[in-house]
Amino acid sequence: MLMKVTEQQQPSGESGFTLVEILTCLIILSVAGLAMTGFFVHALSYAKGNQNKTVMVNLARNTLFYMQKQADFDAMQTFFKSDQPLGIGEERNVISSSGCAAGSGTCTNYKDLVGDPQTLVYILNPKINDILYHVTISFQENLYDSLDTRTASPDGGRIDKYLLPIKVEVEEAEPHSSDNGPSKRERSEVEGYITDESIR
């Protein structure tokens, strides 16, 4: 009787991943990739917001510098009624982009306040990186009241006669967050003083 001898197959020594293991790894990598993508999108949005905030701060500083150099101090005092108390329901005047439209070429509403009203159009309606901004200049009554009236000016009078505190606010013309108005990154403000030339 002949018996057939079968040889037992020996393992080849090669090993690999099964299909299930490969699919599991792909799912884990996909989830991790999506999480990282969300992180990078958020970081990019944050960087863009900071860039816009920097632009607005620089525009506000530029406006403040322009007002310090170009504004007629006496005309500004009269315009803001800084030396007069307000009546009930009365508000102080503001200089805003709405009173100085970008297409008008000149600011007729504010022509007596600055030496160059044509430039004021671009100061109040700047367009940077294809984004239009609106600028508002207002009188800071709280700062005006807190000026140290005991400090003598060159003529021995009150120092508040020579300083006019203003606030410059800059915001995007079309803010992205429409729920509660512009966000902190879509609005910026800078405070400063317009100085009477006679004190220099």
N, C-alpha and C. Protein backbone atom coordinates (compact mmCIF):
# COMPACT_ATOMS: atom_id res chain seq x y z
N MET A 1 0.85 -1.13 0.00
CA MET A 1 0.00 0.00 0.00
C MET A 1 0.91 1.21 0.00
N LEU A 2 0.59 2.04 -0.93
CA LEU A 2 1.38 3.26 -1.05
C LEU A 2 0.66 4.39 -0.32
N MET A 3 1.39 5.03 0.41
CA MET A 3 0.82 6.18 1.12
C MET A 3 1.39 7.45 0.51
N LYS A 4 0.49 8.34 0.28
CA LYS A 4 0.91 9.61 -0.30
C LYS A 4 1.39 10.51 0.83
N VAL A 5 2.58 10.94 0.67
CA VAL A 5 3.13 11.81 1.71
C VAL A 5 2.90 13.24 1.27
N THR A 6 2.24 13.96 2.07
CA THR A 6 2.00 15.38 1.76
C THR A 6 2.99 16.22 2.56
N GLU A 7 3.47 17.14 1.88
CA GLU A 7 4.41 18.03 2.57
C GLU A 7 3.61 19.18 3.19
N GLN A 8 3.97 19.42 4.36
CA GLN A 8 3.31 20.52 5.05
C GLN A 8 3.94 21.82 4.57
N GLN A 9 3.06 22.80 4.22
CA GLN A 9 3.60 24.06 3.73
C GLN A 9 4.22 24.84 4.87
N GLN A 10 5.37 25.32 4.61
CA GLN A 10 6.10 26.11 5.60
C GLN A 10 5.76 27.60 5.40
N PRO A 11 5.62 28.33 6.48
CA PRO A 11 5.38 29.77 6.33
C PRO A 11 6.56 30.41 5.60
N SER A 12 6.24 31.38 4.77
CA SER A 12 7.28 32.00 3.94
C SER A 12 8.13 33.02 4.70
N GLY A 13 7.69 33.44 5.86
CA GLY A 13 8.45 34.44 6.62
C GLY A 13 8.02 35.86 6.29
N GLU A 14 7.14 36.03 5.32
CA GLU A 14 6.67 37.36 4.97
C GLU A 14 5.40 37.66 5.76
N SER A 15 5.32 38.90 6.23
CA SER A 15 4.11 39.29 6.95
C SER A 15 3.58 40.58 6.32
N GLY A 16 2.33 40.91 6.54
CA GLY A 16 1.72 42.12 5.97
C GLY A 16 0.52 42.55 6.78
N PHE A 17 -0.12 43.58 6.29
CA PHE A 17 -1.31 44.09 6.94
C PHE A 17 -2.54 43.50 6.28
N THR A 18 -3.49 43.28 7.07
CA THR A 18 -4.75 42.80 6.50
C THR A 18 -5.56 43.99 6.02
N LEU A 19 -6.57 43.74 5.23
CA LEU A 19 -7.42 44.79 4.70
C LEU A 19 -8.11 45.56 5.82
N VAL A 20 -8.50 44.87 6.86
CA VAL A 20 -9.17 45.52 8.00
C VAL A 20 -8.21 46.49 8.69
N GLU A 21 -6.97 46.09 8.86
CA GLU A 21 -5.98 46.96 9.51
C GLU A 21 -5.73 48.21 8.66
N ILE A 22 -5.65 48.05 7.36
CA ILE A 22 -5.42 49.20 6.47
C ILE A 22 -6.60 50.16 6.52
N LEU A 23 -7.81 49.64 6.49
CA LEU A 23 -9.00 50.50 6.55
C LEU A 23 -9.09 51.23 7.89
N THR A 24 -8.71 50.55 8.97
CA THR A 24 -8.72 51.20 10.29
C THR A 24 -7.73 52.35 10.33
N CYS A 25 -6.55 52.14 9.78
CA CYS A 25 -5.53 53.20 9.74
C CYS A 25 -6.02 54.38 8.90
N LEU A 26 -6.65 54.10 7.77
CA LEU A 26 -7.16 55.17 6.92
C LEU A 26 -8.23 56.00 7.63
N ILE A 27 -9.09 55.34 8.38
CA ILE A 27 -10.14 56.06 9.11
C ILE A 27 -9.52 56.94 10.19
N ILE A 28 -8.54 56.42 10.91
CA ILE A 28 -7.88 57.20 11.96
C ILE A 28 -7.16 58.40 11.36
N LEU A 29 -6.45 58.20 10.25
CA LEU A 29 -5.75 59.31 9.59
C LEU A 29 -6.72 60.35 9.05
N SER A 30 -7.87 59.91 8.55
CA SER A 30 -8.87 60.84 8.03
C SER A 30 -9.43 61.73 9.14
N VAL A 31 -9.74 61.12 10.28
CA VAL A 31 -10.27 61.89 11.41
C VAL A 31 -9.23 62.90 11.89
N ALA A 32 -7.98 62.45 12.01
CA ALA A 32 -6.91 63.35 12.45
C ALA A 32 -6.69 64.46 11.43
N GLY A 33 -6.77 64.13 10.15
CA GLY A 33 -6.61 65.14 9.09
C GLY A 33 -7.71 66.18 9.12
N LEU A 34 -8.93 65.75 9.35
CA LEU A 34 -10.04 66.70 9.44
C LEU A 34 -9.88 67.63 10.64
N ALA A 35 -9.43 67.08 11.75
CA ALA A 35 -9.21 67.91 12.94
C ALA A 35 -8.12 68.95 12.67
N MET A 36 -7.05 68.54 12.02
CA MET A 36 -5.97 69.47 11.70
C MET A 36 -6.41 70.51 10.69
N THR A 37 -7.26 70.12 9.73
CA THR A 37 -7.76 71.07 8.74
C THR A 37 -8.58 72.15 9.43
N GLY A 38 -9.43 71.75 10.38
CA GLY A 38 -10.21 72.73 11.14
C GLY A 38 -9.32 73.69 11.91
N PHE A 39 -8.25 73.17 12.47
CA PHE A 39 -7.30 74.02 13.20
C PHE A 39 -6.67 75.05 12.27
N PHE A 40 -6.23 74.62 11.08
CA PHE A 40 -5.57 75.54 10.16
C PHE A 40 -6.54 76.57 9.59
N VAL A 41 -7.78 76.17 9.35
CA VAL A 41 -8.79 77.12 8.87
C VAL A 41 -9.04 78.18 9.93
N HIS A 42 -9.15 77.76 11.21
CA HIS A 42 -9.36 78.71 12.30
C HIS A 42 -8.14 79.63 12.44
N ALA A 43 -6.95 79.09 12.34
CA ALA A 43 -5.73 79.91 12.45
C ALA A 43 -5.64 80.92 11.32
N LEU A 44 -6.02 80.51 10.11
CA LEU A 44 -6.00 81.42 8.96
C LEU A 44 -7.01 82.55 9.16
N SER A 45 -8.20 82.21 9.65
CA SER A 45 -9.22 83.22 9.92
C SER A 45 -8.76 84.20 10.99
N TYR A 46 -8.12 83.68 12.03
CA TYR A 46 -7.61 84.53 13.11
C TYR A 46 -6.53 85.48 12.59
N ALA A 47 -5.63 84.96 11.75
CA ALA A 47 -4.56 85.80 11.19
C ALA A 47 -5.15 86.89 10.30
N LYS A 48 -6.16 86.56 9.51
CA LYS A 48 -6.82 87.54 8.64
C LYS A 48 -7.49 88.63 9.48
N GLY A 49 -8.15 88.22 10.57
CA GLY A 49 -8.77 89.19 11.47
C GLY A 49 -7.76 90.12 12.10
N ASN A 50 -6.61 89.58 12.50
CA ASN A 50 -5.55 90.41 13.07
C ASN A 50 -4.98 91.37 12.04
N GLN A 51 -4.89 90.92 10.79
CA GLN A 51 -4.40 91.79 9.72
C GLN A 51 -5.37 92.96 9.53
N ASN A 52 -6.67 92.69 9.51
CA ASN A 52 -7.66 93.75 9.36
C ASN A 52 -7.62 94.71 10.55
N LYS A 53 -7.43 94.17 11.75
CA LYS A 53 -7.36 95.01 12.95
C LYS A 53 -6.15 95.94 12.87
N THR A 54 -5.02 95.42 12.40
CA THR A 54 -3.82 96.24 12.25
C THR A 54 -4.06 97.36 11.24
N VAL A 55 -4.71 97.03 10.13
CA VAL A 55 -5.02 98.05 9.11
C VAL A 55 -5.89 99.14 9.72
N MET A 56 -6.92 98.74 10.49
CA MET A 56 -7.83 99.74 11.08
C MET A 56 -7.14 100.61 12.12
N VAL A 57 -6.26 100.03 12.92
CA VAL A 57 -5.51 100.84 13.90
C VAL A 57 -4.63 101.85 13.18
N ASN A 58 -3.97 101.43 12.11
CA ASN A 58 -3.13 102.36 11.35
C ASN A 58 -3.96 103.45 10.67
N LEU A 59 -5.15 103.10 10.17
CA LEU A 59 -6.03 104.11 9.58
C LEU A 59 -6.49 105.11 10.64
N ALA A 60 -6.80 104.63 11.83
CA ALA A 60 -7.22 105.53 12.92
C ALA A 60 -6.08 106.46 13.32
N ARG A 61 -4.88 105.94 13.41
CA ARG A 61 -3.72 106.77 13.75
C ARG A 61 -3.45 107.80 12.65
N ASN A 62 -3.59 107.38 11.40
CA ASN A 62 -3.40 108.28 10.28
C ASN A 62 -4.42 109.42 10.33
N THR A 63 -5.68 109.08 10.64
CA THR A 63 -6.73 110.09 10.74
C THR A 63 -6.43 111.06 11.88
N LEU A 64 -6.01 110.52 13.02
CA LEU A 64 -5.68 111.37 14.17
C LEU A 64 -4.54 112.32 13.82
N PHE A 65 -3.52 111.80 13.15
CA PHE A 65 -2.38 112.63 12.74
C PHE A 65 -2.84 113.71 11.77
N TYR A 66 -3.71 113.34 10.81
CA TYR A 66 -4.23 114.31 9.85
C TYR A 66 -5.00 115.42 10.57
N MET A 67 -5.86 115.05 11.53
CA MET A 67 -6.65 116.04 12.25
C MET A 67 -5.76 116.94 13.10
N GLN A 68 -4.69 116.39 13.68
CA GLN A 68 -3.78 117.20 14.48
C GLN A 68 -3.06 118.23 13.62
N LYS A 69 -2.78 117.88 12.37
CA LYS A 69 -2.03 118.78 11.50
C LYS A 69 -2.92 119.71 10.68
N GLN A 70 -4.10 119.24 10.26
CA GLN A 70 -4.92 120.00 9.32
C GLN A 70 -6.11 120.73 9.95
N ALA A 71 -6.53 120.30 11.13
CA ALA A 71 -7.76 120.86 11.69
C ALA A 71 -7.56 122.29 12.18
N ASP A 72 -8.57 123.11 11.96
CA ASP A 72 -8.62 124.46 12.50
C ASP A 72 -9.18 124.35 13.92
N PHE A 73 -8.34 124.64 14.91
CA PHE A 73 -8.71 124.39 16.30
C PHE A 73 -9.99 125.12 16.70
N ASP A 74 -10.07 126.41 16.36
CA ASP A 74 -11.25 127.20 16.75
C ASP A 74 -12.51 126.68 16.06
N ALA A 75 -12.39 126.33 14.78
CA ALA A 75 -13.55 125.80 14.04
C ALA A 75 -13.98 124.46 14.61
N MET A 76 -13.01 123.63 15.02
CA MET A 76 -13.34 122.33 15.61
C MET A 76 -14.03 122.52 16.96
N GLN A 77 -13.55 123.46 17.76
CA GLN A 77 -14.18 123.74 19.05
C GLN A 77 -15.64 124.16 18.86
N THR A 78 -15.87 125.02 17.87
CA THR A 78 -17.23 125.48 17.58
C THR A 78 -18.09 124.34 17.07
N PHE A 79 -17.51 123.51 16.18
CA PHE A 79 -18.26 122.39 15.60
C PHE A 79 -18.69 121.39 16.68
N PHE A 80 -17.78 121.03 17.57
CA PHE A 80 -18.08 120.07 18.63
C PHE A 80 -18.80 120.70 19.82
N LYS A 81 -18.90 122.05 19.84
CA LYS A 81 -19.52 122.78 20.96
C LYS A 81 -18.85 122.36 22.28
N SER A 82 -17.52 122.28 22.26
CA SER A 82 -16.79 121.75 23.41
C SER A 82 -16.89 122.64 24.63
N ASP A 83 -17.08 123.95 24.42
CA ASP A 83 -17.14 124.85 25.56
C ASP A 83 -18.57 125.11 26.03
N GLN A 84 -19.52 124.35 25.49
CA GLN A 84 -20.92 124.55 25.87
C GLN A 84 -21.49 123.28 26.48
N PRO A 85 -22.27 123.42 27.53
CA PRO A 85 -22.96 122.22 28.05
C PRO A 85 -24.11 121.84 27.13
N LEU A 86 -24.38 120.57 27.04
CA LEU A 86 -25.45 120.10 26.18
C LEU A 86 -26.80 120.22 26.88
N GLY A 87 -27.82 120.51 26.08
CA GLY A 87 -29.18 120.54 26.61
C GLY A 87 -29.75 119.13 26.66
N ILE A 88 -30.94 119.01 27.19
CA ILE A 88 -31.58 117.70 27.30
C ILE A 88 -31.88 117.16 25.90
N GLY A 89 -31.43 115.94 25.65
CA GLY A 89 -31.64 115.30 24.35
C GLY A 89 -30.74 115.79 23.24
N GLU A 90 -29.85 116.71 23.55
CA GLU A 90 -28.94 117.26 22.54
C GLU A 90 -27.68 116.40 22.48
N GLU A 91 -27.14 116.22 21.28
CA GLU A 91 -25.92 115.43 21.09
C GLU A 91 -24.87 116.28 20.41
N ARG A 92 -23.64 115.94 20.65
CA ARG A 92 -22.54 116.65 20.00
C ARG A 92 -22.41 116.21 18.55
N ASN A 93 -21.94 117.13 17.73
CA ASN A 93 -21.70 116.81 16.32
C ASN A 93 -20.55 115.81 16.20
N VAL A 94 -20.59 115.00 15.16
CA VAL A 94 -19.48 114.10 14.84
C VAL A 94 -19.11 114.30 13.38
N ILE A 95 -17.87 114.01 13.09
CA ILE A 95 -17.39 114.02 11.71
C ILE A 95 -17.40 112.58 11.25
N SER A 96 -18.18 112.26 10.23
CA SER A 96 -18.29 110.86 9.81
C SER A 96 -18.25 110.74 8.30
N SER A 97 -18.00 109.51 7.87
CA SER A 97 -17.94 109.25 6.43
C SER A 97 -19.29 109.45 5.76
N SER A 98 -20.39 109.34 6.52
CA SER A 98 -21.71 109.54 5.93
C SER A 98 -21.91 111.00 5.52
N GLY A 99 -21.22 111.93 6.16
CA GLY A 99 -21.31 113.34 5.79
C GLY A 99 -20.29 113.74 4.76
N CYS A 100 -19.58 112.76 4.22
CA CYS A 100 -18.50 113.03 3.29
C CYS A 100 -18.37 111.84 2.35
N ALA A 101 -19.31 111.71 1.41
CA ALA A 101 -19.38 110.53 0.55
C ALA A 101 -18.14 110.38 -0.31
N ALA A 102 -17.75 109.11 -0.54
CA ALA A 102 -16.52 108.82 -1.28
C ALA A 102 -16.57 109.35 -2.71
N GLY A 103 -17.72 109.33 -3.36
CA GLY A 103 -17.81 109.77 -4.75
C GLY A 103 -17.97 111.26 -4.93
N SER A 104 -18.12 112.02 -3.83
CA SER A 104 -18.42 113.45 -3.94
C SER A 104 -17.21 114.28 -4.33
N GLY A 105 -16.01 113.83 -3.99
CA GLY A 105 -14.80 114.57 -4.34
C GLY A 105 -14.39 115.60 -3.30
N THR A 106 -15.32 116.08 -2.51
CA THR A 106 -15.00 117.03 -1.45
C THR A 106 -16.00 116.89 -0.30
N CYS A 107 -15.59 117.31 0.86
CA CYS A 107 -16.46 117.24 2.04
C CYS A 107 -17.06 118.61 2.28
N THR A 108 -18.20 118.87 1.70
CA THR A 108 -18.83 120.18 1.87
C THR A 108 -19.32 120.38 3.29
N ASN A 109 -19.70 119.30 3.97
CA ASN A 109 -20.18 119.42 5.35
C ASN A 109 -19.09 119.87 6.32
N TYR A 110 -17.84 119.55 5.99
CA TYR A 110 -16.74 119.82 6.91
C TYR A 110 -15.66 120.72 6.29
N LYS A 111 -16.03 121.46 5.26
CA LYS A 111 -15.02 122.24 4.52
C LYS A 111 -14.34 123.32 5.36
N ASP A 112 -15.01 123.82 6.40
CA ASP A 112 -14.41 124.88 7.23
C ASP A 112 -13.57 124.32 8.38
N LEU A 113 -13.58 123.01 8.57
CA LEU A 113 -12.88 122.43 9.72
C LEU A 113 -11.42 122.10 9.44
N VAL A 114 -11.10 121.82 8.18
CA VAL A 114 -9.73 121.41 7.83
C VAL A 114 -9.23 122.26 6.67
N GLY A 115 -7.92 122.28 6.54
CA GLY A 115 -7.33 123.06 5.46
C GLY A 115 -7.54 122.45 4.08
N ASP A 116 -7.68 121.12 4.00
CA ASP A 116 -7.82 120.44 2.71
C ASP A 116 -9.01 119.49 2.75
N PRO A 117 -10.23 119.99 2.42
CA PRO A 117 -11.41 119.12 2.51
C PRO A 117 -11.44 118.00 1.46
N GLN A 118 -10.69 118.14 0.37
CA GLN A 118 -10.65 117.07 -0.64
C GLN A 118 -9.95 115.83 -0.10
N THR A 119 -8.88 116.04 0.65
CA THR A 119 -8.18 114.91 1.25
C THR A 119 -9.03 114.25 2.32
N LEU A 120 -9.86 115.04 2.99
CA LEU A 120 -10.71 114.49 4.05
C LEU A 120 -11.66 113.41 3.53
N VAL A 121 -12.05 113.49 2.24
CA VAL A 121 -12.88 112.45 1.63
C VAL A 121 -12.19 111.10 1.75
N TYR A 122 -10.90 111.06 1.41
CA TYR A 122 -10.15 109.80 1.44
C TYR A 122 -9.79 109.39 2.87
N ILE A 123 -9.66 110.36 3.75
CA ILE A 123 -9.37 110.05 5.15
C ILE A 123 -10.58 109.38 5.80
N LEU A 124 -11.78 109.85 5.48
CA LEU A 124 -12.99 109.31 6.10
C LEU A 124 -13.53 108.07 5.39
N ASN A 125 -13.11 107.84 4.14
CA ASN A 125 -13.57 106.69 3.36
C ASN A 125 -12.39 105.93 2.75
N PRO A 126 -11.46 105.45 3.55
CA PRO A 126 -10.30 104.76 2.97
C PRO A 126 -10.67 103.37 2.43
N LYS A 127 -9.98 102.99 1.38
CA LYS A 127 -10.16 101.65 0.82
C LYS A 127 -8.79 100.99 0.75
N ILE A 128 -8.63 99.93 1.53
CA ILE A 128 -7.36 99.20 1.61
C ILE A 128 -7.62 97.74 1.30
N ASN A 129 -6.82 97.16 0.40
CA ASN A 129 -6.98 95.75 0.01
C ASN A 129 -8.40 95.44 -0.43
N ASP A 130 -9.00 96.35 -1.17
CA ASP A 130 -10.37 96.21 -1.69
C ASP A 130 -11.42 96.14 -0.58
N ILE A 131 -11.09 96.62 0.61
CA ILE A 131 -12.05 96.69 1.70
C ILE A 131 -12.28 98.16 2.01
N LEU A 132 -13.55 98.59 1.97
CA LEU A 132 -13.90 99.97 2.28
C LEU A 132 -14.12 100.11 3.77
N TYR A 133 -13.55 101.15 4.36
CA TYR A 133 -13.69 101.42 5.78
C TYR A 133 -14.40 102.75 5.97
N HIS A 134 -15.11 102.89 7.08
CA HIS A 134 -15.75 104.15 7.45
C HIS A 134 -15.09 104.67 8.72
N VAL A 135 -14.83 105.98 8.73
CA VAL A 135 -14.16 106.61 9.85
C VAL A 135 -15.11 107.63 10.48
N THR A 136 -15.14 107.66 11.81
CA THR A 136 -15.95 108.62 12.56
C THR A 136 -15.05 109.30 13.59
N ILE A 137 -15.14 110.63 13.66
CA ILE A 137 -14.36 111.41 14.61
C ILE A 137 -15.34 112.08 15.56
N SER A 138 -15.15 111.85 16.84
CA SER A 138 -16.06 112.42 17.83
C SER A 138 -15.29 113.10 18.96
N PHE A 139 -15.97 114.01 19.60
CA PHE A 139 -15.41 114.74 20.73
C PHE A 139 -15.50 113.87 21.97
N GLN A 140 -14.43 113.85 22.77
CA GLN A 140 -14.37 113.05 23.99
C GLN A 140 -14.65 113.94 25.20
N GLU A 141 -15.91 114.05 25.55
CA GLU A 141 -16.29 114.95 26.63
C GLU A 141 -15.70 114.51 27.97
N ASN A 142 -15.65 113.20 28.21
CA ASN A 142 -15.08 112.70 29.48
C ASN A 142 -13.62 113.09 29.63
N LEU A 143 -12.85 112.97 28.54
CA LEU A 143 -11.44 113.36 28.60
C LEU A 143 -11.31 114.87 28.77
N TYR A 144 -12.18 115.60 28.12
CA TYR A 144 -12.15 117.06 28.21
C TYR A 144 -12.41 117.51 29.65
N ASP A 145 -13.40 116.87 30.28
CA ASP A 145 -13.73 117.22 31.67
C ASP A 145 -12.63 116.80 32.65
N SER A 146 -11.87 115.77 32.29
CA SER A 146 -10.84 115.29 33.20
C SER A 146 -9.49 115.96 33.01
N LEU A 147 -9.39 116.88 32.03
CA LEU A 147 -8.13 117.60 31.87
C LEU A 147 -7.82 118.35 33.17
N ASP A 148 -6.56 118.35 33.54
CA ASP A 148 -6.17 118.97 34.80
C ASP A 148 -6.27 120.48 34.68
N THR A 149 -7.34 121.04 35.16
CA THR A 149 -7.54 122.48 35.05
C THR A 149 -6.62 123.28 35.97
N ARG A 150 -5.95 122.60 36.89
CA ARG A 150 -5.02 123.31 37.76
C ARG A 150 -3.68 123.54 37.07
N THR A 151 -3.42 122.80 35.99
CA THR A 151 -2.17 122.98 35.26
C THR A 151 -2.25 124.28 34.47
N ALA A 152 -1.32 125.13 34.67
CA ALA A 152 -1.36 126.43 34.02
C ALA A 152 -0.82 126.34 32.60
N SER A 153 -1.44 127.06 31.69
CA SER A 153 -0.96 127.18 30.33
C SER A 153 0.03 128.34 30.28
N PRO A 154 0.68 128.58 29.13
CA PRO A 154 1.69 129.65 29.06
C PRO A 154 1.17 131.03 29.47
N ASP A 155 -0.13 131.28 29.23
CA ASP A 155 -0.66 132.59 29.61
C ASP A 155 -1.27 132.57 31.02
N GLY A 156 -1.08 131.47 31.76
CA GLY A 156 -1.59 131.37 33.11
C GLY A 156 -3.04 130.91 33.19
N GLY A 157 -3.65 130.60 32.06
CA GLY A 157 -5.04 130.16 32.04
C GLY A 157 -5.16 128.65 32.16
N ARG A 158 -6.30 128.14 31.76
CA ARG A 158 -6.57 126.71 31.86
C ARG A 158 -6.05 125.98 30.63
N ILE A 159 -5.47 124.79 30.85
CA ILE A 159 -4.89 124.01 29.75
C ILE A 159 -5.96 123.46 28.82
N ASP A 160 -7.18 123.26 29.34
CA ASP A 160 -8.22 122.68 28.49
C ASP A 160 -8.66 123.62 27.37
N LYS A 161 -8.25 124.87 27.43
CA LYS A 161 -8.56 125.79 26.33
C LYS A 161 -7.69 125.51 25.11
N TYR A 162 -6.63 124.75 25.29
CA TYR A 162 -5.67 124.53 24.22
C TYR A 162 -5.65 123.09 23.71
N LEU A 163 -6.42 122.21 24.34
CA LEU A 163 -6.46 120.81 23.93
C LEU A 163 -7.91 120.40 23.66
N LEU A 164 -8.11 119.69 22.57
CA LEU A 164 -9.44 119.21 22.21
C LEU A 164 -9.35 117.69 22.04
N PRO A 165 -9.80 116.92 23.02
CA PRO A 165 -9.70 115.45 22.93
C PRO A 165 -10.72 114.89 21.94
N ILE A 166 -10.23 114.02 21.07
CA ILE A 166 -11.11 113.39 20.08
C ILE A 166 -10.88 111.88 20.07
N LYS A 167 -11.86 111.18 19.56
CA LYS A 167 -11.75 109.73 19.37
C LYS A 167 -12.00 109.43 17.91
N VAL A 168 -11.12 108.64 17.31
CA VAL A 168 -11.27 108.22 15.92
C VAL A 168 -11.67 106.75 15.91
N GLU A 169 -12.82 106.45 15.30
CA GLU A 169 -13.31 105.08 15.19
C GLU A 169 -13.29 104.65 13.73
N VAL A 170 -12.76 103.46 13.48
CA VAL A 170 -12.71 102.91 12.13
C VAL A 170 -13.39 101.55 12.14
N GLU A 171 -14.25 101.32 11.15
CA GLU A 171 -14.89 100.01 11.02
C GLU A 171 -15.09 99.69 9.56
N GLU A 172 -15.19 98.40 9.28
CA GLU A 172 -15.43 97.97 7.91
C GLU A 172 -16.80 98.46 7.46
N ALA A 173 -16.90 98.86 6.20
CA ALA A 173 -18.18 99.34 5.67
C ALA A 173 -19.21 98.22 5.66
N GLU A 174 -18.76 97.00 5.39
CA GLU A 174 -19.65 95.84 5.37
C GLU A 174 -19.11 94.80 6.34
N PRO A 175 -19.44 94.92 7.63
CA PRO A 175 -18.92 93.95 8.61
C PRO A 175 -19.45 92.56 8.35
N HIS A 176 -18.63 91.55 8.67
CA HIS A 176 -19.00 90.15 8.44
C HIS A 176 -19.95 89.63 9.50
N SER A 177 -19.77 90.06 10.73
CA SER A 177 -20.63 89.58 11.81
C SER A 177 -21.81 90.55 11.94
N SER A 178 -22.96 90.14 11.46
CA SER A 178 -24.10 91.04 11.39
C SER A 178 -25.04 90.92 12.58
N ASP A 179 -24.84 89.95 13.46
CA ASP A 179 -25.77 89.74 14.57
C ASP A 179 -25.79 90.93 15.54
N ASN A 180 -24.65 91.25 16.10
CA ASN A 180 -24.57 92.32 17.10
C ASN A 180 -23.67 93.45 16.63
N GLY A 181 -23.67 93.75 15.35
CA GLY A 181 -22.80 94.79 14.83
C GLY A 181 -21.40 94.25 14.59
N PRO A 182 -20.45 95.14 14.30
CA PRO A 182 -19.09 94.69 14.02
C PRO A 182 -18.42 94.09 15.25
N SER A 183 -17.60 93.06 15.01
CA SER A 183 -16.87 92.43 16.10
C SER A 183 -15.65 93.28 16.45
N LYS A 184 -14.89 92.84 17.46
CA LYS A 184 -13.71 93.58 17.89
C LYS A 184 -12.67 93.65 16.78
N ARG A 185 -12.65 92.66 15.92
CA ARG A 185 -11.66 92.65 14.84
C ARG A 185 -12.13 93.44 13.63
N GLU A 186 -13.38 93.88 13.63
CA GLU A 186 -13.91 94.66 12.52
C GLU A 186 -14.13 96.12 12.90
N ARG A 187 -13.56 96.51 14.03
CA ARG A 187 -13.72 97.87 14.53
C ARG A 187 -12.52 98.23 15.39
N SER A 188 -12.06 99.48 15.28
CA SER A 188 -10.92 99.91 16.08
C SER A 188 -11.09 101.39 16.41
N GLU A 189 -10.48 101.81 17.50
CA GLU A 189 -10.55 103.23 17.88
C GLU A 189 -9.25 103.67 18.50
N VAL A 190 -8.95 104.98 18.31
CA VAL A 190 -7.75 105.60 18.85
C VAL A 190 -8.16 106.96 19.40
N GLU A 191 -7.63 107.31 20.56
CA GLU A 191 -7.93 108.60 21.17
C GLU A 191 -6.70 109.48 21.11
N GLY A 192 -6.94 110.79 21.01
CA GLY A 192 -5.83 111.75 20.98
C GLY A 192 -6.36 113.16 21.16
N TYR A 193 -5.49 114.13 20.89
CA TYR A 193 -5.83 115.53 21.10
C TYR A 193 -5.51 116.34 19.86
N ILE A 194 -6.38 117.32 19.58
CA ILE A 194 -6.06 118.37 18.63
C ILE A 194 -5.56 119.53 19.48
N THR A 195 -4.40 120.06 19.11
CA THR A 195 -3.76 121.09 19.93
C THR A 195 -3.84 122.44 19.24
N ASP A 196 -4.15 123.45 20.02
CA ASP A 196 -4.13 124.82 19.52
C ASP A 196 -2.69 125.22 19.22
N GLU A 197 -2.46 125.78 18.05
CA GLU A 197 -1.09 126.14 17.65
C GLU A 197 -0.47 127.20 18.57
N SER A 198 -1.30 127.97 19.22
CA SER A 198 -0.75 129.04 20.06
C SER A 198 -0.03 128.52 21.30
N ILE A 199 -0.26 127.26 21.65
CA ILE A 199 0.41 126.70 22.84
C ILE A 199 1.80 126.19 22.49
N ARG A 200 2.10 126.01 21.22
CA ARG A 200 3.40 125.46 20.82
C ARG A 200 4.49 126.50 20.85
